[in-house]
Amino acid sequence: MTLEQIESLYGFQFPDRHRKDLEDRSSPIHSAVEFLFPDDPGIRDFVRCNEELRSGWKKAGVNVVAFATQGCGDFHAYDISETPYQVFVIDPTSDVAESLAAAIAQENALERYDEWRERIWEIHEEVEADFEEFGYDHLPFTES
C-alpha cells in the first residue's frame, strides 16, 4: 500500500516532514521511535495496526490514526478530527478517549508533528547520554 492509499483510506494527509521520514529509512529519527510503515510485513504494518486499534477507538468516538510506537504498547497518534493534526500518546493502560482527554488537559501535550519529532529526538539524545555515562557505547536495542 502506498502513502497516498493510506491517506485516502483514513481521510488525512501525512505532514510533509512525516512523509520524508517514512521515505528515508536511514534518517536518524528511526533510532528514536518505531514508525508504522505502509509496506512493513510485520507488526509495524501501518494499516494492519490501525485496523486493529481503530475498531475500539471508533467506539470511543475519537478519530485518530496511530503512526508510531515506543515498542511498549503505547502509540503516538494523530487526532485527525481537525487540522493541523495534533499528536498525542495513547497510554496502553487507559482507553484512547482517556488518553486524548489527558493530553488535552496537560499543557503542551498536544503538538504538531514537527514539534513531536523534535521532542522525541531530544528524549532519545538524553537517554543515549545516560547510557554513555554508565559506560555503554550504544543503546541496547540499537545497532552499534
N, C-alpha and C. Protein backbone atom coordinates (compact mmCIF):
# COMPACT_ATOMS: atom_id res chain seq x y z
N MET A 1 0.85 -1.18 0.00
CA MET A 1 0.00 0.00 0.00
C MET A 1 0.90 1.24 0.00
N THR A 2 0.51 2.26 -0.73
CA THR A 2 1.28 3.49 -0.81
C THR A 2 0.83 4.48 0.26
N LEU A 3 1.63 5.51 0.48
CA LEU A 3 1.23 6.56 1.42
C LEU A 3 -0.07 7.22 0.96
N GLU A 4 -0.21 7.43 -0.33
CA GLU A 4 -1.42 8.05 -0.86
C GLU A 4 -2.65 7.17 -0.61
N GLN A 5 -2.49 5.87 -0.74
CA GLN A 5 -3.61 4.96 -0.48
C GLN A 5 -4.01 4.98 1.00
N ILE A 6 -3.00 5.06 1.86
CA ILE A 6 -3.29 5.15 3.29
C ILE A 6 -4.02 6.45 3.59
N GLU A 7 -3.57 7.55 3.00
CA GLU A 7 -4.23 8.84 3.21
C GLU A 7 -5.69 8.79 2.77
N SER A 8 -5.93 8.16 1.64
CA SER A 8 -7.30 8.03 1.14
C SER A 8 -8.15 7.13 2.05
N LEU A 9 -7.57 6.04 2.50
CA LEU A 9 -8.28 5.10 3.36
C LEU A 9 -8.73 5.75 4.67
N TYR A 10 -7.85 6.55 5.29
CA TYR A 10 -8.14 7.13 6.59
C TYR A 10 -8.58 8.59 6.55
N GLY A 11 -8.57 9.20 5.36
CA GLY A 11 -9.07 10.56 5.23
C GLY A 11 -8.20 11.63 5.86
N PHE A 12 -6.89 11.50 5.70
CA PHE A 12 -5.97 12.51 6.22
C PHE A 12 -4.77 12.58 5.30
N GLN A 13 -3.88 13.54 5.53
CA GLN A 13 -2.63 13.64 4.78
C GLN A 13 -1.46 13.66 5.75
N PHE A 14 -0.43 12.88 5.42
CA PHE A 14 0.77 12.91 6.24
C PHE A 14 1.40 14.30 6.15
N PRO A 15 1.79 14.87 7.27
CA PRO A 15 2.55 16.12 7.20
C PRO A 15 3.83 15.90 6.38
N ASP A 16 4.31 16.95 5.73
CA ASP A 16 5.47 16.83 4.84
C ASP A 16 6.66 16.16 5.51
N ARG A 17 7.00 16.59 6.72
CA ARG A 17 8.17 16.03 7.40
C ARG A 17 7.97 14.55 7.73
N HIS A 18 6.76 14.18 8.09
CA HIS A 18 6.46 12.77 8.38
C HIS A 18 6.64 11.94 7.11
N ARG A 19 6.13 12.45 6.01
CA ARG A 19 6.28 11.77 4.72
C ARG A 19 7.76 11.54 4.41
N LYS A 20 8.58 12.58 4.61
CA LYS A 20 10.02 12.46 4.35
C LYS A 20 10.65 11.42 5.27
N ASP A 21 10.23 11.40 6.53
CA ASP A 21 10.77 10.41 7.46
C ASP A 21 10.41 8.98 7.04
N LEU A 22 9.21 8.79 6.52
CA LEU A 22 8.81 7.46 6.07
C LEU A 22 9.56 7.05 4.81
N GLU A 23 9.85 8.02 3.96
CA GLU A 23 10.54 7.72 2.70
C GLU A 23 12.04 7.50 2.91
N ASP A 24 12.61 8.06 3.97
CA ASP A 24 14.05 7.94 4.24
C ASP A 24 14.27 7.10 5.48
N ARG A 25 14.38 5.81 5.28
CA ARG A 25 14.54 4.91 6.43
C ARG A 25 15.93 4.98 7.05
N SER A 26 16.83 5.74 6.44
CA SER A 26 18.16 5.91 7.03
C SER A 26 18.21 7.13 7.95
N SER A 27 17.11 7.86 8.05
CA SER A 27 17.05 9.04 8.91
C SER A 27 17.31 8.63 10.36
N PRO A 28 18.11 9.41 11.09
CA PRO A 28 18.39 9.08 12.49
C PRO A 28 17.14 9.00 13.38
N ILE A 29 16.06 9.64 12.98
CA ILE A 29 14.84 9.61 13.80
C ILE A 29 14.35 8.18 14.01
N HIS A 30 14.69 7.29 13.09
CA HIS A 30 14.24 5.90 13.21
C HIS A 30 14.91 5.15 14.36
N SER A 31 15.99 5.72 14.90
CA SER A 31 16.60 5.10 16.09
C SER A 31 15.92 5.58 17.37
N ALA A 32 15.06 6.58 17.25
CA ALA A 32 14.40 7.15 18.43
C ALA A 32 12.98 6.64 18.65
N VAL A 33 12.34 6.17 17.60
CA VAL A 33 10.95 5.73 17.68
C VAL A 33 10.69 4.72 16.57
N GLU A 34 9.75 3.82 16.79
CA GLU A 34 9.39 2.83 15.79
C GLU A 34 8.18 3.31 14.99
N PHE A 35 8.43 3.72 13.77
CA PHE A 35 7.34 4.17 12.91
C PHE A 35 6.56 2.98 12.36
N LEU A 36 5.29 3.21 12.09
CA LEU A 36 4.48 2.24 11.36
C LEU A 36 4.66 2.57 9.88
N PHE A 37 4.90 1.54 9.07
CA PHE A 37 5.17 1.74 7.65
C PHE A 37 4.08 1.12 6.78
N PRO A 38 3.82 1.71 5.61
CA PRO A 38 2.78 1.17 4.74
C PRO A 38 3.14 -0.18 4.12
N ASP A 39 4.41 -0.52 4.09
CA ASP A 39 4.83 -1.76 3.43
C ASP A 39 5.55 -2.72 4.37
N ASP A 40 5.37 -2.56 5.67
CA ASP A 40 6.03 -3.44 6.63
C ASP A 40 5.23 -4.73 6.73
N PRO A 41 5.88 -5.87 6.48
CA PRO A 41 5.13 -7.14 6.55
C PRO A 41 4.90 -7.63 7.97
N GLY A 42 5.48 -6.96 8.95
CA GLY A 42 5.39 -7.44 10.32
C GLY A 42 4.46 -6.62 11.19
N ILE A 43 4.85 -6.51 12.45
CA ILE A 43 3.98 -5.88 13.44
C ILE A 43 3.89 -4.37 13.28
N ARG A 44 4.78 -3.77 12.49
CA ARG A 44 4.73 -2.32 12.30
C ARG A 44 4.01 -1.94 11.01
N ASP A 45 3.17 -2.81 10.50
CA ASP A 45 2.39 -2.50 9.31
C ASP A 45 1.34 -1.45 9.65
N PHE A 46 1.36 -0.34 8.95
CA PHE A 46 0.50 0.81 9.25
C PHE A 46 -0.98 0.43 9.24
N VAL A 47 -1.42 -0.20 8.16
CA VAL A 47 -2.85 -0.50 8.02
C VAL A 47 -3.28 -1.58 9.00
N ARG A 48 -2.52 -2.66 9.08
CA ARG A 48 -2.91 -3.74 10.00
C ARG A 48 -3.01 -3.24 11.43
N CYS A 49 -2.03 -2.48 11.84
CA CYS A 49 -2.02 -1.95 13.20
C CYS A 49 -3.21 -1.03 13.43
N ASN A 50 -3.46 -0.12 12.50
CA ASN A 50 -4.57 0.82 12.68
C ASN A 50 -5.92 0.14 12.59
N GLU A 51 -6.06 -0.87 11.76
CA GLU A 51 -7.35 -1.57 11.69
C GLU A 51 -7.66 -2.24 13.02
N GLU A 52 -6.64 -2.84 13.63
CA GLU A 52 -6.85 -3.48 14.92
C GLU A 52 -7.18 -2.46 16.01
N LEU A 53 -6.46 -1.36 16.01
CA LEU A 53 -6.64 -0.36 17.06
C LEU A 53 -7.89 0.49 16.88
N ARG A 54 -8.17 0.88 15.64
CA ARG A 54 -9.25 1.84 15.40
C ARG A 54 -10.64 1.28 15.65
N SER A 55 -10.80 -0.03 15.61
CA SER A 55 -12.13 -0.57 15.87
C SER A 55 -12.60 -0.17 17.26
N GLY A 56 -11.72 -0.24 18.23
CA GLY A 56 -12.06 0.19 19.59
C GLY A 56 -12.10 1.70 19.71
N TRP A 57 -11.24 2.38 18.97
CA TRP A 57 -11.19 3.83 19.06
C TRP A 57 -12.45 4.48 18.50
N LYS A 58 -12.98 3.91 17.43
CA LYS A 58 -14.21 4.48 16.85
C LYS A 58 -15.36 4.39 17.85
N LYS A 59 -15.40 3.30 18.61
CA LYS A 59 -16.43 3.16 19.63
C LYS A 59 -16.31 4.24 20.69
N ALA A 60 -15.07 4.71 20.91
CA ALA A 60 -14.82 5.77 21.90
C ALA A 60 -15.17 7.15 21.35
N GLY A 61 -15.52 7.22 20.07
CA GLY A 61 -15.93 8.49 19.48
C GLY A 61 -14.78 9.43 19.13
N VAL A 62 -13.59 8.88 18.90
CA VAL A 62 -12.45 9.70 18.52
C VAL A 62 -11.96 9.27 17.15
N ASN A 63 -11.42 10.23 16.41
CA ASN A 63 -10.93 9.95 15.06
C ASN A 63 -9.42 10.14 15.06
N VAL A 64 -8.71 9.06 15.32
CA VAL A 64 -7.25 9.11 15.43
C VAL A 64 -6.62 8.07 14.51
N VAL A 65 -5.35 8.34 14.17
CA VAL A 65 -4.57 7.41 13.35
C VAL A 65 -3.22 7.25 14.04
N ALA A 66 -2.88 6.02 14.40
CA ALA A 66 -1.58 5.73 15.01
C ALA A 66 -0.51 5.73 13.93
N PHE A 67 0.68 6.24 14.27
CA PHE A 67 1.76 6.25 13.28
C PHE A 67 3.11 5.79 13.83
N ALA A 68 3.22 5.62 15.13
CA ALA A 68 4.48 5.18 15.71
C ALA A 68 4.24 4.56 17.08
N THR A 69 5.25 3.86 17.57
CA THR A 69 5.20 3.26 18.89
C THR A 69 6.58 3.31 19.52
N GLN A 70 6.62 3.24 20.81
CA GLN A 70 7.90 3.11 21.51
C GLN A 70 8.21 1.64 21.75
N GLY A 71 7.29 0.78 21.34
CA GLY A 71 7.50 -0.65 21.48
C GLY A 71 7.05 -1.23 22.81
N CYS A 72 6.39 -0.41 23.64
CA CYS A 72 5.95 -0.89 24.96
C CYS A 72 4.42 -0.92 25.06
N GLY A 73 3.74 -0.84 23.95
CA GLY A 73 2.28 -0.86 23.98
C GLY A 73 1.64 0.50 23.79
N ASP A 74 2.41 1.57 23.92
CA ASP A 74 1.86 2.90 23.68
C ASP A 74 1.95 3.21 22.18
N PHE A 75 1.11 4.12 21.74
CA PHE A 75 1.13 4.55 20.35
C PHE A 75 1.12 6.06 20.28
N HIS A 76 1.85 6.58 19.32
CA HIS A 76 1.82 8.00 19.01
C HIS A 76 0.83 8.12 17.86
N ALA A 77 -0.13 9.03 18.01
CA ALA A 77 -1.22 9.09 17.05
C ALA A 77 -1.59 10.52 16.73
N TYR A 78 -2.18 10.68 15.55
CA TYR A 78 -2.75 11.97 15.15
C TYR A 78 -4.22 12.00 15.54
N ASP A 79 -4.66 13.11 16.07
CA ASP A 79 -6.09 13.39 16.18
C ASP A 79 -6.45 14.05 14.86
N ILE A 80 -7.13 13.33 13.98
CA ILE A 80 -7.40 13.85 12.64
C ILE A 80 -8.78 14.49 12.53
N SER A 81 -9.38 14.81 13.67
CA SER A 81 -10.71 15.43 13.63
C SER A 81 -10.65 16.87 13.15
N GLU A 82 -9.47 17.51 13.23
CA GLU A 82 -9.31 18.86 12.68
C GLU A 82 -7.86 19.09 12.33
N THR A 83 -7.62 20.03 11.43
CA THR A 83 -6.25 20.34 11.04
C THR A 83 -5.83 21.66 11.67
N PRO A 84 -4.56 21.86 11.93
CA PRO A 84 -3.50 20.87 11.75
C PRO A 84 -3.63 19.74 12.77
N TYR A 85 -3.22 18.55 12.36
CA TYR A 85 -3.32 17.39 13.23
C TYR A 85 -2.43 17.56 14.45
N GLN A 86 -2.96 17.16 15.57
CA GLN A 86 -2.20 17.19 16.81
C GLN A 86 -1.79 15.75 17.15
N VAL A 87 -0.59 15.62 17.71
CA VAL A 87 -0.05 14.32 18.08
C VAL A 87 -0.23 14.13 19.58
N PHE A 88 -0.61 12.95 19.98
CA PHE A 88 -0.66 12.62 21.40
C PHE A 88 -0.29 11.15 21.57
N VAL A 89 0.00 10.78 22.79
CA VAL A 89 0.38 9.40 23.10
C VAL A 89 -0.82 8.69 23.69
N ILE A 90 -1.09 7.51 23.16
CA ILE A 90 -2.16 6.68 23.67
C ILE A 90 -1.55 5.72 24.68
N ASP A 91 -1.92 5.90 25.91
CA ASP A 91 -1.41 5.10 27.02
C ASP A 91 -2.06 3.72 26.96
N PRO A 92 -1.25 2.65 26.99
CA PRO A 92 -1.83 1.31 26.91
C PRO A 92 -2.65 0.92 28.13
N THR A 93 -2.52 1.66 29.22
CA THR A 93 -3.27 1.31 30.44
C THR A 93 -4.62 2.01 30.52
N SER A 94 -4.93 2.87 29.54
CA SER A 94 -6.23 3.54 29.51
C SER A 94 -6.77 3.50 28.10
N ASP A 95 -8.04 3.81 27.95
CA ASP A 95 -8.58 3.80 26.60
C ASP A 95 -8.21 5.10 25.88
N VAL A 96 -8.45 5.11 24.58
CA VAL A 96 -7.98 6.24 23.76
C VAL A 96 -8.67 7.54 24.14
N ALA A 97 -9.94 7.49 24.51
CA ALA A 97 -10.65 8.72 24.90
C ALA A 97 -10.02 9.31 26.16
N GLU A 98 -9.65 8.43 27.10
CA GLU A 98 -8.99 8.91 28.32
C GLU A 98 -7.61 9.48 28.01
N SER A 99 -6.87 8.83 27.10
CA SER A 99 -5.54 9.33 26.71
C SER A 99 -5.65 10.69 26.05
N LEU A 100 -6.63 10.86 25.17
CA LEU A 100 -6.81 12.14 24.49
C LEU A 100 -7.24 13.21 25.49
N ALA A 101 -8.15 12.89 26.38
CA ALA A 101 -8.59 13.85 27.40
C ALA A 101 -7.42 14.26 28.29
N ALA A 102 -6.57 13.29 28.65
CA ALA A 102 -5.41 13.60 29.48
C ALA A 102 -4.44 14.50 28.73
N ALA A 103 -4.25 14.25 27.44
CA ALA A 103 -3.35 15.08 26.64
C ALA A 103 -3.88 16.50 26.52
N ILE A 104 -5.19 16.64 26.34
CA ILE A 104 -5.80 17.97 26.23
C ILE A 104 -5.64 18.72 27.55
N ALA A 105 -5.75 18.01 28.66
CA ALA A 105 -5.66 18.64 29.98
C ALA A 105 -4.24 19.09 30.33
N GLN A 106 -3.25 18.45 29.72
CA GLN A 106 -1.85 18.81 30.01
C GLN A 106 -1.39 19.88 29.04
N GLU A 107 -0.73 20.89 29.57
CA GLU A 107 -0.19 21.94 28.71
C GLU A 107 0.91 21.35 27.83
N ASN A 108 0.87 21.67 26.54
CA ASN A 108 1.84 21.22 25.55
C ASN A 108 1.80 19.72 25.29
N ALA A 109 0.77 19.02 25.72
CA ALA A 109 0.70 17.58 25.47
C ALA A 109 0.31 17.29 24.03
N LEU A 110 -0.45 18.18 23.43
CA LEU A 110 -0.79 18.04 22.02
C LEU A 110 0.14 18.93 21.23
N GLU A 111 0.74 18.37 20.19
CA GLU A 111 1.68 19.14 19.39
C GLU A 111 1.61 18.69 17.95
N ARG A 112 2.13 19.51 17.07
CA ARG A 112 2.20 19.15 15.66
C ARG A 112 3.36 18.19 15.45
N TYR A 113 3.37 17.53 14.28
CA TYR A 113 4.37 16.52 14.00
C TYR A 113 5.79 17.04 14.18
N ASP A 114 6.12 18.20 13.62
CA ASP A 114 7.48 18.72 13.72
C ASP A 114 7.90 18.93 15.17
N GLU A 115 6.99 19.43 15.99
CA GLU A 115 7.29 19.62 17.41
C GLU A 115 7.48 18.27 18.10
N TRP A 116 6.58 17.34 17.78
CA TRP A 116 6.68 15.99 18.34
C TRP A 116 8.02 15.36 17.97
N ARG A 117 8.41 15.47 16.71
CA ARG A 117 9.65 14.89 16.21
C ARG A 117 10.86 15.45 16.97
N GLU A 118 10.86 16.75 17.16
CA GLU A 118 11.97 17.39 17.87
C GLU A 118 12.04 16.89 19.31
N ARG A 119 10.88 16.79 19.96
CA ARG A 119 10.85 16.32 21.36
C ARG A 119 11.29 14.87 21.47
N ILE A 120 10.85 14.02 20.56
CA ILE A 120 11.25 12.61 20.56
C ILE A 120 12.76 12.49 20.39
N TRP A 121 13.33 13.32 19.51
CA TRP A 121 14.76 13.27 19.29
C TRP A 121 15.51 13.73 20.54
N GLU A 122 15.03 14.78 21.19
CA GLU A 122 15.66 15.27 22.42
C GLU A 122 15.65 14.19 23.51
N ILE A 123 14.54 13.52 23.66
CA ILE A 123 14.44 12.43 24.65
C ILE A 123 15.43 11.33 24.30
N HIS A 124 15.50 10.98 23.05
CA HIS A 124 16.43 9.94 22.59
C HIS A 124 17.87 10.32 22.92
N GLU A 125 18.24 11.56 22.66
CA GLU A 125 19.61 12.01 22.94
C GLU A 125 19.90 11.98 24.45
N GLU A 126 18.92 12.35 25.26
CA GLU A 126 19.10 12.30 26.72
C GLU A 126 19.31 10.87 27.19
N VAL A 127 18.54 9.95 26.67
CA VAL A 127 18.67 8.54 27.05
C VAL A 127 20.03 8.01 26.60
N GLU A 128 20.44 8.35 25.39
CA GLU A 128 21.76 7.92 24.91
C GLU A 128 22.87 8.45 25.81
N ALA A 129 22.75 9.73 26.20
CA ALA A 129 23.76 10.33 27.09
C ALA A 129 23.82 9.59 28.43
N ASP A 130 22.67 9.23 28.95
CA ASP A 130 22.63 8.48 30.21
C ASP A 130 23.33 7.13 30.06
N PHE A 131 23.09 6.44 28.94
CA PHE A 131 23.73 5.16 28.72
C PHE A 131 25.24 5.31 28.58
N GLU A 132 25.67 6.36 27.89
CA GLU A 132 27.11 6.61 27.74
C GLU A 132 27.75 6.89 29.10
N GLU A 133 27.02 7.61 29.95
CA GLU A 133 27.52 7.91 31.29
C GLU A 133 27.79 6.63 32.08
N PHE A 134 27.02 5.60 31.82
CA PHE A 134 27.18 4.33 32.51
C PHE A 134 28.09 3.36 31.76
N GLY A 135 28.76 3.86 30.71
CA GLY A 135 29.76 3.05 30.03
C GLY A 135 29.29 2.26 28.82
N TYR A 136 28.06 2.44 28.40
CA TYR A 136 27.59 1.77 27.19
C TYR A 136 27.94 2.63 25.98
N ASP A 137 28.29 1.98 24.86
CA ASP A 137 28.61 2.76 23.68
C ASP A 137 27.39 2.96 22.77
N HIS A 138 26.30 2.30 23.07
CA HIS A 138 25.05 2.50 22.32
C HIS A 138 23.89 1.94 23.15
N LEU A 139 22.70 2.37 22.78
CA LEU A 139 21.51 1.84 23.47
C LEU A 139 21.41 0.35 23.20
N PRO A 140 20.94 -0.43 24.14
CA PRO A 140 20.93 -1.89 23.97
C PRO A 140 20.06 -2.37 22.82
N PHE A 141 19.08 -1.60 22.40
CA PHE A 141 18.18 -2.07 21.34
C PHE A 141 18.53 -1.46 19.98
N THR A 142 19.67 -0.79 19.86
CA THR A 142 20.10 -0.24 18.57
C THR A 142 21.41 -0.91 18.17
N GLU A 143 21.71 -0.82 16.90
CA GLU A 143 22.95 -1.40 16.41
C GLU A 143 24.12 -0.54 16.86
N SER A 144 25.25 -1.16 17.05
CA SER A 144 26.44 -0.41 17.46
C SER A 144 27.11 0.24 16.28
